[in-house]
Amino acid sequence: MSRIRSFIKSDEAIAVTEYGLLIALIALMLVGAVTLFGSKISSWFTARTNSITSV
């Protein structure tokens, strides 16, 4: 238990927390981008796939 307390008080714990928050923010941005542009991206890939297979 004392090892956990010392880790929480150390600078490493702060850095790990910051990286965790940064990763969560990036994940939320990716989910938002896919939600907003998902159908457009899907239709773009479908059009490219059809042009490649039809050649």
PDB file of N, CA and C in Angstrom:
ATOM      1  N   MET A   1       0.814  -1.187   0.000  1.00  0.00           N
ATOM      2  CA  MET A   1       0.000   0.000   0.000  1.00  0.00           C
ATOM      3  C   MET A   1       0.862   1.257   0.000  1.00  0.00           C
ATOM      4  N   SER A   2       1.992   1.196   0.671  1.00  0.00           N
ATOM      5  CA  SER A   2       2.859   2.377   0.711  1.00  0.00           C
ATOM      6  C   SER A   2       3.475   2.654  -0.655  1.00  0.00           C
ATOM      7  N   ARG A   3       3.694   1.601  -1.444  1.00  0.00           N
ATOM      8  CA  ARG A   3       4.225   1.799  -2.801  1.00  0.00           C
ATOM      9  C   ARG A   3       3.217   2.551  -3.665  1.00  0.00           C
ATOM     10  N   ILE A   4       1.944   2.253  -3.488  1.00  0.00           N
ATOM     11  CA  ILE A   4       0.896   2.943  -4.255  1.00  0.00           C
ATOM     12  C   ILE A   4       0.833   4.408  -3.847  1.00  0.00           C
ATOM     13  N   ARG A   5       0.884   4.662  -2.559  1.00  0.00           N
ATOM     14  CA  ARG A   5       0.860   6.043  -2.080  1.00  0.00           C
ATOM     15  C   ARG A   5       2.055   6.835  -2.585  1.00  0.00           C
ATOM     16  N   SER A   6       3.231   6.214  -2.568  1.00  0.00           N
ATOM     17  CA  SER A   6       4.421   6.934  -3.045  1.00  0.00           C
ATOM     18  C   SER A   6       4.344   7.188  -4.547  1.00  0.00           C
ATOM     19  N   PHE A   7       3.747   6.242  -5.296  1.00  0.00           N
ATOM     20  CA  PHE A   7       3.593   6.455  -6.736  1.00  0.00           C
ATOM     21  C   PHE A   7       2.635   7.606  -7.016  1.00  0.00           C
ATOM     22  N   ILE A   8       1.545   7.650  -6.269  1.00  0.00           N
ATOM     23  CA  ILE A   8       0.556   8.707  -6.474  1.00  0.00           C
ATOM     24  C   ILE A   8       1.157  10.078  -6.186  1.00  0.00           C
ATOM     25  N   LYS A   9       2.031  10.162  -5.211  1.00  0.00           N
ATOM     26  CA  LYS A   9       2.650  11.433  -4.853  1.00  0.00           C
ATOM     27  C   LYS A   9       3.819  11.800  -5.757  1.00  0.00           C
ATOM     28  N   SER A  10       4.320  10.873  -6.543  1.00  0.00           N
ATOM     29  CA  SER A  10       5.499  11.132  -7.364  1.00  0.00           C
ATOM     30  C   SER A  10       5.136  11.891  -8.649  1.00  0.00           C
ATOM     31  N   ASP A  11       6.169  12.389  -9.301  1.00  0.00           N
ATOM     32  CA  ASP A  11       5.974  13.094 -10.569  1.00  0.00           C
ATOM     33  C   ASP A  11       5.550  12.150 -11.685  1.00  0.00           C
ATOM     34  N   GLU A  12       5.934  10.890 -11.590  1.00  0.00           N
ATOM     35  CA  GLU A  12       5.553   9.922 -12.618  1.00  0.00           C
ATOM     36  C   GLU A  12       4.034   9.768 -12.693  1.00  0.00           C
ATOM     37  N   ALA A  13       3.396   9.786 -11.550  1.00  0.00           N
ATOM     38  CA  ALA A  13       1.934   9.645 -11.535  1.00  0.00           C
ATOM     39  C   ALA A  13       1.275  10.823 -12.244  1.00  0.00           C
ATOM     40  N   ILE A  14       1.839  12.004 -12.061  1.00  0.00           N
ATOM     41  CA  ILE A  14       1.295  13.184 -12.737  1.00  0.00           C
ATOM     42  C   ILE A  14       1.466  13.046 -14.241  1.00  0.00           C
ATOM     43  N   ALA A  15       2.633  12.580 -14.676  1.00  0.00           N
ATOM     44  CA  ALA A  15       2.886  12.413 -16.106  1.00  0.00           C
ATOM     45  C   ALA A  15       1.970  11.352 -16.701  1.00  0.00           C
ATOM     46  N   VAL A  16       1.782  10.256 -15.989  1.00  0.00           N
ATOM     47  CA  VAL A  16       0.901   9.192 -16.473  1.00  0.00           C
ATOM     48  C   VAL A  16      -0.527   9.712 -16.603  1.00  0.00           C
ATOM     49  N   THR A  17      -0.956  10.497 -15.642  1.00  0.00           N
ATOM     50  CA  THR A  17      -2.300  11.078 -15.698  1.00  0.00           C
ATOM     51  C   THR A  17      -2.443  12.012 -16.887  1.00  0.00           C
ATOM     52  N   GLU A  18      -1.440  12.830 -17.124  1.00  0.00           N
ATOM     53  CA  GLU A  18      -1.493  13.757 -18.259  1.00  0.00           C
ATOM     54  C   GLU A  18      -1.539  13.002 -19.579  1.00  0.00           C
ATOM     55  N   TYR A  19      -0.725  11.962 -19.701  1.00  0.00           N
ATOM     56  CA  TYR A  19      -0.753  11.170 -20.932  1.00  0.00           C
ATOM     57  C   TYR A  19      -2.095  10.476 -21.106  1.00  0.00           C
ATOM     58  N   GLY A  20      -2.663  10.000 -20.021  1.00  0.00           N
ATOM     59  CA  GLY A  20      -3.978   9.364 -20.094  1.00  0.00           C
ATOM     60  C   GLY A  20      -5.049  10.330 -20.565  1.00  0.00           C
ATOM     61  N   LEU A  21      -5.007  11.553 -20.030  1.00  0.00           N
ATOM     62  CA  LEU A  21      -5.973  12.564 -20.463  1.00  0.00           C
ATOM     63  C   LEU A  21      -5.752  12.952 -21.919  1.00  0.00           C
ATOM     64  N   LEU A  22      -4.517  13.033 -22.336  1.00  0.00           N
ATOM     65  CA  LEU A  22      -4.217  13.369 -23.725  1.00  0.00           C
ATOM     66  C   LEU A  22      -4.725  12.283 -24.674  1.00  0.00           C
ATOM     67  N   ILE A  23      -4.508  11.032 -24.310  1.00  0.00           N
ATOM     68  CA  ILE A  23      -4.990   9.917 -25.141  1.00  0.00           C
ATOM     69  C   ILE A  23      -6.518   9.917 -25.193  1.00  0.00           C
ATOM     70  N   ALA A  24      -7.164  10.201 -24.064  1.00  0.00           N
ATOM     71  CA  ALA A  24      -8.626  10.254 -24.047  1.00  0.00           C
ATOM     72  C   ALA A  24      -9.143  11.383 -24.928  1.00  0.00           C
ATOM     73  N   LEU A  25      -8.480  12.534 -24.902  1.00  0.00           N
ATOM     74  CA  LEU A  25      -8.890  13.658 -25.742  1.00  0.00           C
ATOM     75  C   LEU A  25      -8.733  13.323 -27.223  1.00  0.00           C
ATOM     76  N   ILE A  26      -7.639  12.698 -27.585  1.00  0.00           N
ATOM     77  CA  ILE A  26      -7.420  12.312 -28.982  1.00  0.00           C
ATOM     78  C   ILE A  26      -8.470  11.293 -29.418  1.00  0.00           C
ATOM     79  N   ALA A  27      -8.779  10.344 -28.542  1.00  0.00           N
ATOM     80  CA  ALA A  27      -9.802   9.342 -28.868  1.00  0.00           C
ATOM     81  C   ALA A  27     -11.164   9.999 -29.082  1.00  0.00           C
ATOM     82  N   LEU A  28     -11.506  10.958 -28.231  1.00  0.00           N
ATOM     83  CA  LEU A  28     -12.779  11.663 -28.401  1.00  0.00           C
ATOM     84  C   LEU A  28     -12.815  12.451 -29.706  1.00  0.00           C
ATOM     85  N   MET A  29     -11.690  13.057 -30.073  1.00  0.00           N
ATOM     86  CA  MET A  29     -11.637  13.792 -31.334  1.00  0.00           C
ATOM     87  C   MET A  29     -11.799  12.850 -32.524  1.00  0.00           C
ATOM     88  N   LEU A  30     -11.185  11.670 -32.459  1.00  0.00           N
ATOM     89  CA  LEU A  30     -11.329  10.701 -33.547  1.00  0.00           C
ATOM     90  C   LEU A  30     -12.766  10.200 -33.662  1.00  0.00           C
ATOM     91  N   VAL A  31     -13.388   9.934 -32.536  1.00  0.00           N
ATOM     92  CA  VAL A  31     -14.785   9.492 -32.562  1.00  0.00           C
ATOM     93  C   VAL A  31     -15.670  10.590 -33.146  1.00  0.00           C
ATOM     94  N   GLY A  32     -15.421  11.829 -32.764  1.00  0.00           N
ATOM     95  CA  GLY A  32     -16.184  12.944 -33.312  1.00  0.00           C
ATOM     96  C   GLY A  32     -15.990  13.103 -34.806  1.00  0.00           C
ATOM     97  N   ALA A  33     -14.754  12.968 -35.272  1.00  0.00           N
ATOM     98  CA  ALA A  33     -14.475  13.095 -36.702  1.00  0.00           C
ATOM     99  C   ALA A  33     -15.147  11.979 -37.486  1.00  0.00           C
ATOM    100  N   VAL A  34     -15.095  10.759 -36.971  1.00  0.00           N
ATOM    101  CA  VAL A  34     -15.738   9.642 -37.667  1.00  0.00           C
ATOM    102  C   VAL A  34     -17.250   9.821 -37.663  1.00  0.00           C
ATOM    103  N   THR A  35     -17.782  10.342 -36.578  1.00  0.00           N
ATOM    104  CA  THR A  35     -19.233  10.583 -36.514  1.00  0.00           C
ATOM    105  C   THR A  35     -19.655  11.635 -37.528  1.00  0.00           C
ATOM    106  N   LEU A  36     -18.879  12.712 -37.622  1.00  0.00           N
ATOM    107  CA  LEU A  36     -19.240  13.785 -38.549  1.00  0.00           C
ATOM    108  C   LEU A  36     -19.000  13.420 -40.006  1.00  0.00           C
ATOM    109  N   PHE A  37     -17.876  12.788 -40.283  1.00  0.00           N
ATOM    110  CA  PHE A  37     -17.477  12.560 -41.668  1.00  0.00           C
ATOM    111  C   PHE A  37     -17.513  11.099 -42.081  1.00  0.00           C
ATOM    112  N   GLY A  38     -18.088  10.244 -41.266  1.00  0.00           N
ATOM    113  CA  GLY A  38     -18.080   8.806 -41.535  1.00  0.00           C
ATOM    114  C   GLY A  38     -18.706   8.430 -42.860  1.00  0.00           C
ATOM    115  N   SER A  39     -19.867   8.962 -43.164  1.00  0.00           N
ATOM    116  CA  SER A  39     -20.542   8.590 -44.409  1.00  0.00           C
ATOM    117  C   SER A  39     -19.800   9.149 -45.623  1.00  0.00           C
ATOM    118  N   LYS A  40     -19.228  10.349 -45.484  1.00  0.00           N
ATOM    119  CA  LYS A  40     -18.471  10.918 -46.605  1.00  0.00           C
ATOM    120  C   LYS A  40     -17.202  10.117 -46.862  1.00  0.00           C
ATOM    121  N   ILE A  41     -16.531   9.714 -45.806  1.00  0.00           N
ATOM    122  CA  ILE A  41     -15.312   8.903 -45.949  1.00  0.00           C
ATOM    123  C   ILE A  41     -15.657   7.556 -46.556  1.00  0.00           C
ATOM    124  N   SER A  42     -16.739   6.969 -46.103  1.00  0.00           N
ATOM    125  CA  SER A  42     -17.167   5.671 -46.628  1.00  0.00           C
ATOM    126  C   SER A  42     -17.488   5.760 -48.111  1.00  0.00           C
ATOM    127  N   SER A  43     -18.211   6.780 -48.518  1.00  0.00           N
ATOM    128  CA  SER A  43     -18.542   6.916 -49.943  1.00  0.00           C
ATOM    129  C   SER A  43     -17.298   7.222 -50.771  1.00  0.00           C
ATOM    130  N   TRP A  44     -16.337   7.958 -50.210  1.00  0.00           N
ATOM    131  CA  TRP A  44     -15.085   8.248 -50.920  1.00  0.00           C
ATOM    132  C   TRP A  44     -14.309   6.959 -51.162  1.00  0.00           C
ATOM    133  N   PHE A  45     -14.193   6.107 -50.116  1.00  0.00           N
ATOM    134  CA  PHE A  45     -13.488   4.837 -50.279  1.00  0.00           C
ATOM    135  C   PHE A  45     -14.227   3.911 -51.238  1.00  0.00           C
ATOM    136  N   THR A  46     -15.555   3.921 -51.203  1.00  0.00           N
ATOM    137  CA  THR A  46     -16.340   3.094 -52.121  1.00  0.00           C
ATOM    138  C   THR A  46     -16.108   3.527 -53.558  1.00  0.00           C
ATOM    139  N   ALA A  47     -16.098   4.817 -53.805  1.00  0.00           N
ATOM    140  CA  ALA A  47     -15.854   5.331 -55.160  1.00  0.00           C
ATOM    141  C   ALA A  47     -14.460   4.954 -55.635  1.00  0.00           C
ATOM    142  N   ARG A  48     -13.470   5.068 -54.763  1.00  0.00           N
ATOM    143  CA  ARG A  48     -12.092   4.701 -55.144  1.00  0.00           C
ATOM    144  C   ARG A  48     -11.963   3.202 -55.404  1.00  0.00           C
ATOM    145  N   THR A  49     -12.620   2.417 -54.574  1.00  0.00           N
ATOM    146  CA  THR A  49     -12.581   0.969 -54.748  1.00  0.00           C
ATOM    147  C   THR A  49     -13.241   0.573 -56.062  1.00  0.00           C
ATOM    148  N   ASN A  50     -14.365   1.190 -56.382  1.00  0.00           N
ATOM    149  CA  ASN A  50     -15.054   0.884 -57.632  1.00  0.00           C
ATOM    150  C   ASN A  50     -14.226   1.302 -58.836  1.00  0.00           C
ATOM    151  N   SER A  51     -13.515   2.422 -58.731  1.00  0.00           N
ATOM    152  CA  SER A  51     -12.687   2.852 -59.868  1.00  0.00           C
ATOM    153  C   SER A  51     -11.492   1.940 -60.058  1.00  0.00           C
ATOM    154  N   ILE A  52     -10.960   1.380 -58.976  1.00  0.00           N
ATOM    155  CA  ILE A  52      -9.829   0.479 -59.103  1.00  0.00           C
ATOM    156  C   ILE A  52     -10.268  -0.860 -59.678  1.00  0.00           C
ATOM    157  N   THR A  53     -11.387  -1.393 -59.202  1.00  0.00           N
ATOM    158  CA  THR A  53     -11.836  -2.707 -59.657  1.00  0.00           C
ATOM    159  C   THR A  53     -12.426  -2.660 -61.061  1.00  0.00           C
ATOM    160  N   SER A  54     -12.866  -1.488 -61.538  1.00  0.00           N
ATOM    161  CA  SER A  54     -13.456  -1.416 -62.856  1.00  0.00           C
ATOM    162  C   SER A  54     -12.410  -1.195 -63.956  1.00  0.00           C
ATOM    163  N   VAL A  55     -11.186  -0.907 -63.554  1.00  0.00           N
ATOM    164  CA  VAL A  55     -10.134  -0.667 -64.560  1.00  0.00           C
ATOM    165  C   VAL A  55      -9.569  -1.942 -65.061  1.00  0.00           C
TER     166      VAL A  55
END
